[in-house]
N, C-alpha and C. Protein backbone atom coordinates (compact mmCIF):
# COMPACT_ATOMS: atom_id res chain seq x y z
N UNK A 1 0.72 -1.01 -0.31
CA UNK A 1 -0.32 -0.16 -0.43
C UNK A 1 1.19 1.39 -0.15
N UNK A 2 0.41 2.05 -0.91
CA UNK A 2 1.19 3.22 -1.42
C UNK A 2 0.61 4.48 0.13
N UNK A 3 2.03 4.97 0.37
CA UNK A 3 1.94 6.02 1.54
C UNK A 3 1.21 7.31 0.78
N UNK A 4 0.75 8.51 1.83
CA UNK A 4 0.08 9.84 0.94
C UNK A 4 1.18 10.65 0.56
N UNK A 5 2.03 10.36 1.19
CA UNK A 5 3.66 11.03 0.17
C UNK A 5 4.05 10.70 -1.06
N UNK A 6 3.62 9.39 -1.20
CA UNK A 6 3.86 8.95 -2.58
C UNK A 6 2.33 9.13 -3.54
N UNK A 7 1.62 9.08 -2.90
CA UNK A 7 0.14 8.82 -3.92
C UNK A 7 0.19 10.57 -4.30
N UNK A 8 0.32 11.56 -3.68
CA UNK A 8 0.88 12.78 -3.65
C UNK A 8 2.23 13.06 -4.71
N UNK A 9 2.52 12.52 -4.92
CA UNK A 9 3.95 12.84 -5.68
C UNK A 9 3.25 12.68 -6.94
N UNK A 10 1.85 10.97 -6.85
CA UNK A 10 1.75 10.45 -8.46
C UNK A 10 0.73 11.50 -8.82
N UNK A 11 0.22 11.96 -7.81
CA UNK A 11 -1.26 13.08 -8.17
C UNK A 11 -0.35 14.14 -8.77
N UNK A 12 0.23 14.49 -8.15
CA UNK A 12 1.10 16.14 -9.08
C UNK A 12 1.43 15.46 -10.70
N UNK A 13 1.84 14.04 -10.76
CA UNK A 13 1.95 13.85 -11.97
C UNK A 13 0.23 13.85 -13.20
N UNK A 14 -0.25 15.10 -12.31
CA UNK A 14 -1.91 14.24 -13.28
C UNK A 14 -2.36 12.65 -13.14
N UNK A 15 -1.92 12.11 -12.25
CA UNK A 15 -2.69 10.30 -12.03
C UNK A 15 -3.85 10.39 -11.31
N UNK A 16 -5.62 10.24 -11.54
CA UNK A 16 -6.44 10.90 -10.98
C UNK A 16 -6.42 9.65 -10.48
N UNK A 17 -6.00 8.36 -10.47
CA UNK A 17 -6.45 7.73 -9.44
C UNK A 17 -5.90 7.89 -8.30
N UNK A 18 -4.57 8.12 -8.32
CA UNK A 18 -3.77 9.12 -7.14
C UNK A 18 -4.26 9.58 -5.73
N UNK A 19 -4.93 10.97 -6.15
CA UNK A 19 -5.72 11.31 -6.36
C UNK A 19 -7.65 10.67 -5.21
N UNK A 20 -8.01 9.87 -6.53
CA UNK A 20 -9.07 9.09 -5.99
C UNK A 20 -8.77 8.79 -4.72
N UNK A 21 -7.43 7.86 -4.53
CA UNK A 21 -7.16 7.23 -3.52
C UNK A 21 -6.96 8.03 -2.20
N UNK A 22 -6.24 9.28 -2.45
CA UNK A 22 -6.34 10.39 -1.29
C UNK A 22 -7.77 10.57 -0.74
N UNK A 23 -8.47 10.71 -1.86
CA UNK A 23 -9.97 11.42 -1.14
C UNK A 23 -10.84 10.12 -0.69
N UNK A 24 -10.06 8.42 -0.61
CA UNK A 24 -11.30 7.11 -0.24
C UNK A 24 -10.58 7.64 1.09
N UNK A 25 -9.38 7.40 1.13
CA UNK A 25 -8.99 6.90 2.20
C UNK A 25 -9.01 8.29 3.68
N UNK A 26 -9.23 9.70 3.45
CA UNK A 26 -9.70 10.51 4.11
C UNK A 26 -10.79 10.92 4.18
N UNK A 27 -12.03 10.73 3.18
CA UNK A 27 -12.61 11.23 3.69
C UNK A 27 -13.73 11.09 4.73
N UNK A 28 -13.46 10.03 5.10
CA UNK A 28 -14.30 9.80 6.77
C UNK A 28 -14.12 11.09 7.55
N UNK A 29 -12.92 11.15 7.73
CA UNK A 29 -12.17 12.01 8.55
C UNK A 29 -12.18 13.18 8.60
N UNK A 30 -12.37 13.59 6.96
CA UNK A 30 -12.72 14.79 6.90
C UNK A 30 -14.73 15.31 6.98
N UNK A 31 -14.62 14.70 6.93
CA UNK A 31 -16.35 14.67 7.06
C UNK A 31 -16.81 14.70 8.79
N UNK A 32 -15.83 14.11 9.49
CA UNK A 32 -16.12 14.08 11.22
C UNK A 32 -15.38 14.95 11.73
N UNK A 33 -14.53 15.96 11.09
CA UNK A 33 -14.00 16.82 11.99
C UNK A 33 -14.88 17.99 11.20
N UNK A 34 -15.42 18.34 10.11
CA UNK A 34 -16.33 18.87 9.85
C UNK A 34 -17.73 19.12 10.43
N UNK A 35 -17.81 17.53 10.47
CA UNK A 35 -19.57 17.79 11.34
C UNK A 35 -19.23 17.95 13.21
N UNK A 36 -17.27 17.50 13.35
CA UNK A 36 -17.71 17.68 14.88
C UNK A 36 -17.70 19.27 15.04
N UNK A 37 -17.04 19.97 14.24
CA UNK A 37 -16.91 21.70 14.72
C UNK A 37 -18.31 22.41 13.87
N UNK A 38 -19.30 21.81 12.74
CA UNK A 38 -20.89 22.47 13.19
C UNK A 38 -21.47 21.75 13.57
N UNK A 39 -21.16 20.90 14.48
CA UNK A 39 -22.14 20.75 14.81
C UNK A 39 -23.46 19.39 14.25
N UNK A 40 -24.04 18.78 15.26
CA UNK A 40 -25.50 18.02 15.30
C UNK A 40 -26.34 18.26 14.22
N UNK A 41 -26.59 19.45 14.13
CA UNK A 41 -27.83 20.37 13.15
C UNK A 41 -27.50 20.29 12.38
N UNK A 42 -26.06 20.39 11.36
CA UNK A 42 -25.85 20.66 10.32
C UNK A 42 -25.00 19.85 10.00
N UNK A 43 -25.55 18.33 9.42
CA UNK A 43 -24.82 17.26 8.74
C UNK A 43 -24.90 17.93 7.19
N UNK A 44 -25.89 18.26 6.61
CA UNK A 44 -25.62 18.57 4.89
C UNK A 44 -24.55 19.21 4.59
N UNK A 45 -24.16 20.45 5.88
CA UNK A 45 -23.48 21.81 5.78
C UNK A 45 -22.21 20.91 5.81
N UNK A 46 -21.29 20.07 6.93
CA UNK A 46 -20.41 19.40 6.85
C UNK A 46 -20.45 18.69 5.43
N UNK A 47 -21.67 17.50 5.03
CA UNK A 47 -21.12 17.06 3.72
C UNK A 47 -20.41 17.77 2.86
N UNK A 48 -21.00 19.36 2.88
CA UNK A 48 -20.57 20.18 1.68
C UNK A 48 -19.23 20.88 2.32
N UNK A 49 -19.26 20.82 3.26
CA UNK A 49 -17.91 21.33 3.56
C UNK A 49 -16.67 20.37 3.22
N UNK A 50 -17.02 18.95 3.60
CA UNK A 50 -16.52 17.68 3.25
C UNK A 50 -15.66 17.92 1.36
N UNK A 51 -16.77 17.74 0.75
CA UNK A 51 -16.55 18.01 -1.07
C UNK A 51 -15.61 19.46 -0.94
N UNK A 52 -16.00 21.08 -0.52
CA UNK A 52 -15.55 21.63 -0.73
C UNK A 52 -13.77 21.40 -0.55
N UNK A 53 -13.22 20.54 0.58
CA UNK A 53 -12.03 20.62 1.31
C UNK A 53 -11.34 19.99 0.06
N UNK A 54 -11.98 18.55 -0.77
CA UNK A 54 -11.18 18.00 -1.56
C UNK A 54 -11.05 19.08 -2.68
N UNK A 55 -11.82 19.75 -3.03
CA UNK A 55 -12.01 20.17 -4.36
C UNK A 55 -10.87 21.45 -4.06
N UNK A 56 -11.03 22.01 -3.24
CA UNK A 56 -9.56 22.83 -2.85
C UNK A 56 -8.40 21.96 -2.68
N UNK A 57 -7.90 20.93 -1.82
CA UNK A 57 -6.79 20.45 -2.28
C UNK A 57 -6.91 19.81 -3.82
N UNK A 58 -7.72 19.79 -4.56
CA UNK A 58 -7.26 19.57 -5.71
C UNK A 58 -6.85 20.50 -6.48
N UNK A 59 -7.15 21.14 -6.01
CA UNK A 59 -6.94 22.96 -7.25
C UNK A 59 -5.59 23.29 -6.19
N UNK A 60 -4.79 22.72 -5.12
CA UNK A 60 -3.59 23.55 -4.44
C UNK A 60 -2.90 22.67 -4.36
N UNK A 61 -2.96 21.36 -4.80
CA UNK A 61 -1.97 20.33 -4.28
C UNK A 61 -0.46 20.55 -4.64
N UNK A 62 -0.38 21.16 -6.19
CA UNK A 62 0.59 21.32 -6.02
C UNK A 62 1.77 22.66 -5.89
N UNK A 63 0.86 23.20 -4.76
CA UNK A 63 1.54 24.24 -3.90
C UNK A 63 2.34 23.19 -2.40
N UNK A 64 0.93 22.26 -2.47
CA UNK A 64 2.09 21.20 -0.92
C UNK A 64 3.26 20.69 -1.33
N UNK A 65 4.05 21.91 -0.75
CA UNK A 65 5.61 21.25 -0.70
C UNK A 65 5.91 19.92 0.50
N UNK A 66 5.18 19.42 0.89
CA UNK A 66 5.30 18.34 1.92
C UNK A 66 6.40 18.24 3.35
N UNK A 67 6.30 19.76 3.85
CA UNK A 67 7.17 20.45 4.97
C UNK A 67 6.34 19.32 5.58
N UNK A 68 5.04 19.56 5.77
CA UNK A 68 4.05 18.68 7.18
C UNK A 68 3.50 17.23 6.15
N UNK A 69 2.74 16.55 7.25
CA UNK A 69 2.59 15.41 6.72
C UNK A 69 1.33 15.67 5.69
N UNK A 70 0.93 15.40 4.36
CA UNK A 70 -0.50 15.42 3.70
C UNK A 70 -1.86 15.49 4.95
N UNK A 71 -1.53 14.57 6.47
CA UNK A 71 -3.01 14.33 6.70
C UNK A 71 -3.28 15.50 7.85
N UNK A 72 -1.85 15.90 7.45
CA UNK A 72 -1.93 17.62 9.24
C UNK A 72 -2.77 18.04 8.01
N UNK A 73 -1.99 18.97 6.46
CA UNK A 73 -2.31 19.45 5.18
C UNK A 73 -3.63 19.74 5.69
N UNK A 74 -4.38 18.16 5.06
CA UNK A 74 -5.50 17.86 5.05
C UNK A 74 -6.69 18.85 5.84
N UNK A 75 -6.32 17.88 6.98
CA UNK A 75 -7.13 18.21 8.28
C UNK A 75 -7.23 20.07 8.90
N UNK A 76 -5.61 20.69 8.37
CA UNK A 76 -5.58 22.10 9.06
C UNK A 76 -6.96 23.04 7.96
N UNK A 77 -6.74 22.41 6.44
CA UNK A 77 -7.83 22.90 5.62
C UNK A 77 -9.09 22.78 6.22
N UNK A 78 -9.52 21.26 6.48
CA UNK A 78 -10.77 20.91 6.60
C UNK A 78 -11.20 21.71 8.17
N UNK A 79 -10.74 22.31 8.72
CA UNK A 79 -10.45 22.57 9.88
C UNK A 79 -11.10 24.29 9.85
N UNK A 80 -9.64 25.36 8.90
CA UNK A 80 -9.98 26.45 8.81
C UNK A 80 -11.77 26.53 7.55
N UNK A 81 -12.19 25.60 7.11
CA UNK A 81 -13.37 25.57 6.01
C UNK A 81 -14.62 25.64 6.79
N UNK A 82 -14.65 24.94 7.74
CA UNK A 82 -15.68 24.50 8.65
C UNK A 82 -15.87 25.23 9.61
N UNK A 83 -14.66 25.83 9.78
CA UNK A 83 -15.04 27.18 10.55
C UNK A 83 -15.40 28.83 10.02
N UNK A 84 -14.70 28.56 8.76
CA UNK A 84 -15.63 29.59 8.24
C UNK A 84 -17.27 29.19 8.01
N UNK A 85 -17.33 27.96 7.33
CA UNK A 85 -18.93 28.04 7.77
C UNK A 85 -19.97 28.37 8.46
N UNK A 86 -18.98 27.97 9.61
CA UNK A 86 -20.18 27.76 11.37
C UNK A 86 -20.30 29.29 10.62
N UNK A 87 -19.42 30.27 10.96
CA UNK A 87 -19.72 31.98 11.18
C UNK A 87 -20.50 32.03 10.50
N UNK A 88 -21.15 31.60 9.03
CA UNK A 88 -21.74 31.96 8.51
C UNK A 88 -23.44 31.24 8.38
N UNK A 89 -23.36 29.61 8.70
CA UNK A 89 -24.27 29.18 9.43
C UNK A 89 -25.22 29.41 10.66
N UNK A 90 -24.46 29.63 11.19
CA UNK A 90 -24.51 30.15 13.06
C UNK A 90 -25.55 30.97 13.07
N UNK A 91 -26.06 31.18 12.16
CA UNK A 91 -27.85 32.03 12.46
C UNK A 91 -28.77 31.67 11.38
N UNK A 92 -28.40 31.09 11.24
CA UNK A 92 -29.53 30.27 10.06
C UNK A 92 -30.21 28.72 10.95
N UNK A 93 -31.09 28.15 10.57
CA UNK A 93 -32.33 26.90 11.00
C UNK A 93 -31.26 25.91 10.83
N UNK A 94 -31.03 25.19 11.62
CA UNK A 94 -30.76 23.61 11.60
C UNK A 94 -31.21 22.74 9.90
N UNK A 95 -31.17 22.02 9.11
CA UNK A 95 -31.62 21.20 8.33
C UNK A 95 -32.18 20.31 9.12
N UNK A 96 -33.04 20.00 8.97
CA UNK A 96 -33.58 18.65 9.91
C UNK A 96 -34.14 17.30 8.77
N UNK A 97 -34.08 15.86 8.61
CA UNK A 97 -34.92 15.48 7.90
C UNK A 97 -36.19 14.74 8.18
N UNK A 98 -36.37 13.79 7.98
CA UNK A 98 -38.11 13.36 8.04
C UNK A 98 -37.92 12.70 9.31
N UNK A 99 -37.37 12.25 9.97
CA UNK A 99 -36.95 11.61 11.19
C UNK A 99 -37.24 12.78 12.72
N UNK A 100 -37.22 14.42 12.10
CA UNK A 100 -37.43 14.89 13.12
C UNK A 100 -39.18 15.12 13.44
N UNK A 101 -39.31 14.97 12.32
CA UNK A 101 -41.07 15.32 12.01
C UNK A 101 -41.65 13.80 12.30
N UNK A 102 -40.63 13.20 12.29
CA UNK A 102 -41.78 12.22 13.47
C UNK A 102 -41.30 11.09 14.58
N UNK A 103 -40.24 12.43 15.12
CA UNK A 103 -40.38 12.24 16.21
C UNK A 103 -41.14 13.29 16.81
N UNK A 104 -41.42 14.60 16.06
CA UNK A 104 -42.06 15.30 17.05
C UNK A 104 -43.52 14.74 17.03
N UNK A 105 -44.31 14.30 15.48
CA UNK A 105 -45.62 13.61 15.79
C UNK A 105 -45.39 12.20 16.73
N UNK A 106 -44.81 11.92 16.80
CA UNK A 106 -44.49 10.43 17.96
C UNK A 106 -45.28 10.89 19.25
N UNK A 107 -46.05 10.05 20.07
CA UNK A 107 -46.20 10.68 21.78
C UNK A 107 -44.85 10.63 22.65
N UNK A 108 -45.29 11.34 23.25
CA UNK A 108 -43.38 11.87 24.49
C UNK A 108 -44.50 12.26 25.58
N UNK A 109 -42.85 12.77 26.63
CA UNK A 109 -43.55 13.51 27.38
C UNK A 109 -44.33 14.72 27.47
N UNK A 110 -45.35 15.23 28.76
CA UNK A 110 -46.42 16.09 28.65
C UNK A 110 -45.22 17.32 28.23
N UNK A 111 -46.18 18.67 27.58
CA UNK A 111 -45.49 19.99 27.33
C UNK A 111 -44.43 20.71 28.20
N UNK A 112 -44.85 20.63 29.40
CA UNK A 112 -44.18 21.26 30.34
C UNK A 112 -42.49 20.37 30.72
N UNK A 113 -42.41 18.97 30.52
CA UNK A 113 -41.81 18.01 30.57
C UNK A 113 -40.76 18.55 29.21
N UNK A 114 -41.05 19.07 28.07
CA UNK A 114 -40.57 18.72 26.72
C UNK A 114 -39.90 20.64 27.27
N UNK A 115 -40.86 21.57 28.09
CA UNK A 115 -39.90 22.86 27.56
C UNK A 115 -39.13 22.62 28.44
N UNK A 116 -39.15 21.67 29.77
CA UNK A 116 -37.36 21.67 30.14
C UNK A 116 -36.22 21.25 29.48
N UNK A 117 -36.64 19.86 28.89
CA UNK A 117 -36.08 19.26 28.23
C UNK A 117 -34.89 20.36 26.90
N UNK A 118 -35.79 21.17 26.95
CA UNK A 118 -35.68 21.86 25.65
C UNK A 118 -34.99 23.24 26.40
N UNK A 119 -34.94 23.53 27.20
CA UNK A 119 -34.27 24.38 27.46
C UNK A 119 -33.12 24.40 28.48
N UNK A 120 -32.90 23.05 29.06
CA UNK A 120 -31.69 22.54 28.99
C UNK A 120 -30.70 22.20 27.83
N UNK A 121 -31.66 21.10 26.72
CA UNK A 121 -30.67 21.80 25.58
C UNK A 121 -30.30 22.97 25.11
N UNK A 122 -30.80 24.01 24.88
CA UNK A 122 -30.91 25.29 24.70
C UNK A 122 -29.56 25.59 25.63
N UNK A 123 -29.24 25.83 26.70
CA UNK A 123 -28.60 26.21 27.54
C UNK A 123 -27.16 24.82 27.56
N UNK A 124 -27.33 23.80 27.28
CA UNK A 124 -25.93 23.08 26.47
C UNK A 124 -25.60 23.37 25.70
N UNK A 125 -26.44 23.41 24.69
CA UNK A 125 -25.65 24.01 23.53
C UNK A 125 -24.86 25.69 23.15
N UNK A 126 -25.63 26.28 24.12
CA UNK A 126 -25.13 28.09 24.04
C UNK A 126 -23.73 27.40 24.99
N UNK A 127 -23.54 27.12 26.00
CA UNK A 127 -22.86 26.82 26.90
C UNK A 127 -21.73 26.03 25.85
N UNK A 128 -21.80 25.18 24.84
CA UNK A 128 -20.70 24.35 24.04
C UNK A 128 -19.79 25.76 23.02
N UNK A 129 -21.10 26.39 22.87
CA UNK A 129 -20.88 27.16 21.60
C UNK A 129 -20.12 28.48 22.33
N UNK A 130 -19.99 28.74 23.53
CA UNK A 130 -19.24 28.95 24.39
C UNK A 130 -17.25 28.71 24.60
N UNK A 131 -17.14 27.43 24.30
CA UNK A 131 -16.20 26.57 24.43
C UNK A 131 -14.79 26.98 23.69
N UNK A 132 -13.64 26.95 23.88
CA UNK A 132 -12.62 27.12 22.69
C UNK A 132 -13.27 26.21 21.31
N UNK A 133 -13.10 26.03 20.41
CA UNK A 133 -13.50 25.33 19.45
C UNK A 133 -12.56 24.10 18.94
N UNK A 134 -12.05 23.75 19.63
CA UNK A 134 -11.16 22.73 19.92
C UNK A 134 -11.78 21.78 20.72
N UNK A 135 -12.19 22.54 21.68
CA UNK A 135 -12.81 21.90 23.12
C UNK A 135 -14.18 21.33 22.17
N UNK A 136 -14.71 22.19 21.60
CA UNK A 136 -16.06 21.80 21.27
C UNK A 136 -16.03 21.33 20.31
N UNK A 137 -14.92 20.90 18.79
CA UNK A 137 -14.93 19.63 18.19
C UNK A 137 -14.76 18.44 19.27
N UNK A 138 -13.73 18.30 19.88
CA UNK A 138 -13.04 17.40 21.19
C UNK A 138 -14.16 16.18 21.83
N UNK A 139 -15.62 17.06 21.87
CA UNK A 139 -15.99 16.73 23.11
C UNK A 139 -17.04 16.53 21.84
N UNK A 140 -17.31 17.17 20.61
CA UNK A 140 -18.64 16.35 19.64
C UNK A 140 -17.71 15.02 19.18
N UNK A 141 -17.17 14.90 18.49
CA UNK A 141 -16.53 13.90 18.06
C UNK A 141 -16.36 12.45 19.21
N UNK A 142 -16.35 12.96 20.19
CA UNK A 142 -16.16 11.76 21.61
C UNK A 142 -17.73 11.23 21.96
N UNK A 143 -18.44 11.91 22.22
CA UNK A 143 -20.12 12.07 22.70
C UNK A 143 -20.39 12.42 21.62
N UNK A 144 -21.04 13.00 20.62
CA UNK A 144 -21.66 12.99 19.84
C UNK A 144 -21.67 11.92 18.44
N UNK A 145 -20.17 11.44 17.70
CA UNK A 145 -19.45 10.88 16.87
C UNK A 145 -19.10 9.81 17.18
N UNK A 146 -19.45 9.62 18.62
CA UNK A 146 -18.90 8.22 19.50
C UNK A 146 -17.14 7.98 19.06
N UNK A 147 -16.79 8.75 18.62
CA UNK A 147 -15.02 8.42 18.66
C UNK A 147 -14.60 7.79 19.69
N UNK A 148 -13.36 7.28 19.80
CA UNK A 148 -12.28 6.82 21.20
C UNK A 148 -11.52 7.92 21.36
N UNK A 149 -10.69 8.16 22.30
CA UNK A 149 -9.84 9.35 22.43
C UNK A 149 -8.74 9.51 21.35
N UNK A 150 -8.31 7.75 21.42
CA UNK A 150 -6.86 7.69 20.60
C UNK A 150 -7.78 8.42 19.17
N UNK A 151 -8.94 8.23 18.57
CA UNK A 151 -9.40 8.76 16.97
C UNK A 151 -9.59 10.25 17.48
N UNK A 152 -10.09 10.59 18.44
CA UNK A 152 -10.12 12.01 18.62
C UNK A 152 -8.81 12.78 18.25
N UNK A 153 -8.29 12.24 19.16
CA UNK A 153 -6.35 13.02 19.04
C UNK A 153 -6.13 12.71 17.46
N UNK A 154 -6.34 11.92 16.93
CA UNK A 154 -5.81 11.40 15.60
C UNK A 154 -7.01 12.06 14.58
N UNK A 155 -7.64 12.83 15.20
CA UNK A 155 -8.40 13.40 13.69
C UNK A 155 -8.34 14.98 13.87
N UNK A 156 -7.80 15.28 15.56
CA UNK A 156 -7.76 16.57 15.69
C UNK A 156 -5.78 17.12 15.32
N UNK A 157 -4.81 15.87 14.92
CA UNK A 157 -3.91 16.03 15.01
C UNK A 157 -3.26 16.41 16.35
N UNK A 158 -3.24 15.71 17.15
CA UNK A 158 -3.02 15.86 18.49
C UNK A 158 -2.76 14.51 19.22
N UNK A 159 -1.63 14.12 19.65
CA UNK A 159 -1.85 12.82 21.46
C UNK A 159 -2.36 12.91 22.11
N UNK A 160 -2.65 11.54 21.52
CA UNK A 160 -4.46 10.73 22.70
C UNK A 160 -4.02 11.23 23.71
N UNK A 161 -3.25 11.80 24.61
CA UNK A 161 -2.97 12.67 25.63
C UNK A 161 -3.54 13.96 26.08
N UNK A 162 -3.57 14.84 24.95
CA UNK A 162 -3.90 15.99 24.82
C UNK A 162 -5.44 15.74 24.77
N UNK A 163 -5.52 14.99 24.09
CA UNK A 163 -7.37 14.55 23.14
C UNK A 163 -8.06 14.37 24.77
N UNK A 164 -7.41 13.55 26.04
CA UNK A 164 -7.46 13.27 26.87
C UNK A 164 -8.16 14.78 28.29
N UNK A 165 -6.67 15.34 27.79
CA UNK A 165 -6.93 16.86 28.47
C UNK A 165 -8.07 17.79 27.99
N UNK A 166 -8.03 17.83 26.73
CA UNK A 166 -8.71 18.57 25.82
C UNK A 166 -10.62 18.01 26.50
N UNK A 167 -10.51 17.10 26.69
CA UNK A 167 -12.25 16.30 27.17
C UNK A 167 -12.15 17.02 28.48
N UNK A 168 -11.65 17.31 28.99
CA UNK A 168 -11.03 17.05 30.29
C UNK A 168 -11.58 18.42 31.01
N UNK A 169 -10.91 19.30 30.00
CA UNK A 169 -11.31 20.67 30.32
C UNK A 169 -12.13 21.18 30.25
N UNK A 170 -13.02 20.57 28.41
CA UNK A 170 -13.75 20.55 28.19
C UNK A 170 -15.00 20.10 29.36
N UNK A 171 -15.05 19.50 29.49
CA UNK A 171 -16.44 19.08 30.90
C UNK A 171 -16.09 19.97 32.00
N UNK A 172 -14.87 19.96 32.64
CA UNK A 172 -15.15 21.05 33.09
C UNK A 172 -15.16 22.59 33.49
N UNK A 173 -14.88 23.29 32.76
CA UNK A 173 -15.53 24.13 31.96
C UNK A 173 -17.25 23.90 31.31
N UNK A 174 -17.86 22.86 31.38
CA UNK A 174 -19.08 23.10 31.22
C UNK A 174 -19.87 23.23 32.40
N UNK A 175 -19.55 21.92 33.09
CA UNK A 175 -20.00 21.92 34.84
C UNK A 175 -19.70 23.44 35.34
N UNK A 176 -19.31 24.18 34.81
CA UNK A 176 -18.95 25.40 35.73
C UNK A 176 -19.81 26.61 35.64
N UNK A 177 -20.29 25.96 33.95
CA UNK A 177 -21.19 26.83 33.26
C UNK A 177 -22.58 26.71 33.28
N UNK A 178 -22.68 25.36 33.58
CA UNK A 178 -23.85 24.75 33.68
C UNK A 178 -24.85 25.10 35.02
N UNK A 179 -23.60 24.93 36.08
CA UNK A 179 -23.60 24.90 37.44
C UNK A 179 -24.43 26.95 38.01
N UNK A 180 -23.43 27.70 37.35
CA UNK A 180 -24.13 29.48 36.79
C UNK A 180 -25.04 29.32 36.49
N UNK A 181 -25.64 28.45 35.85
CA UNK A 181 -27.67 28.47 34.45
C UNK A 181 -28.36 27.96 36.01
N UNK A 182 -27.33 27.66 37.06
CA UNK A 182 -28.45 26.58 37.82
C UNK A 182 -28.99 24.93 37.83
N UNK A 183 -28.31 24.80 37.14
CA UNK A 183 -28.09 23.16 37.05
C UNK A 183 -26.90 22.50 38.22
N UNK A 184 -27.99 22.29 38.80
CA UNK A 184 -26.50 21.47 40.19
C UNK A 184 -26.81 20.29 40.26
N UNK A 185 -27.24 19.72 39.47
CA UNK A 185 -26.94 18.27 39.60
C UNK A 185 -26.04 17.66 37.98
N UNK A 186 -25.31 18.55 37.55
CA UNK A 186 -24.94 18.17 36.56
C UNK A 186 -22.77 17.58 37.09
């Protein structure tokens, strides 16, 4: 199996199969990073980010000098693109699919419980939004996308122990913010 560096060299020589292999190899991670930055309500936008990232990489592959690993370069482009998109979509209503409609129609808790739960979720979302972006990404990768600590580290381009630290610090910060809002059992 060829390394990323070998595939990049082949792709420089206009080998479309080499670039296709790079896309195949990294598309899942690129999407996961984008989704972790944008959040669960913006999956279609995360898919768009992933596609835009590979278009940018294709256009600028010749400028990649190999001073860093291809994967690091790719993930930095992904991170920047997702942050840019996030600033644009922050004020839009999130996309939702048919399952959201089905959930809304299903019998569930009473209106008072729904309102309380919705307020708790809004408070949690607001607190998460106040965290540094790298902490937000670590939390979303770990809790929402179900990635392990090692994979969180790999996706964020940091050592596993640093990923653990980010998760720990994010939890502590969230705990404090939620306590300030009156949630005593967090």
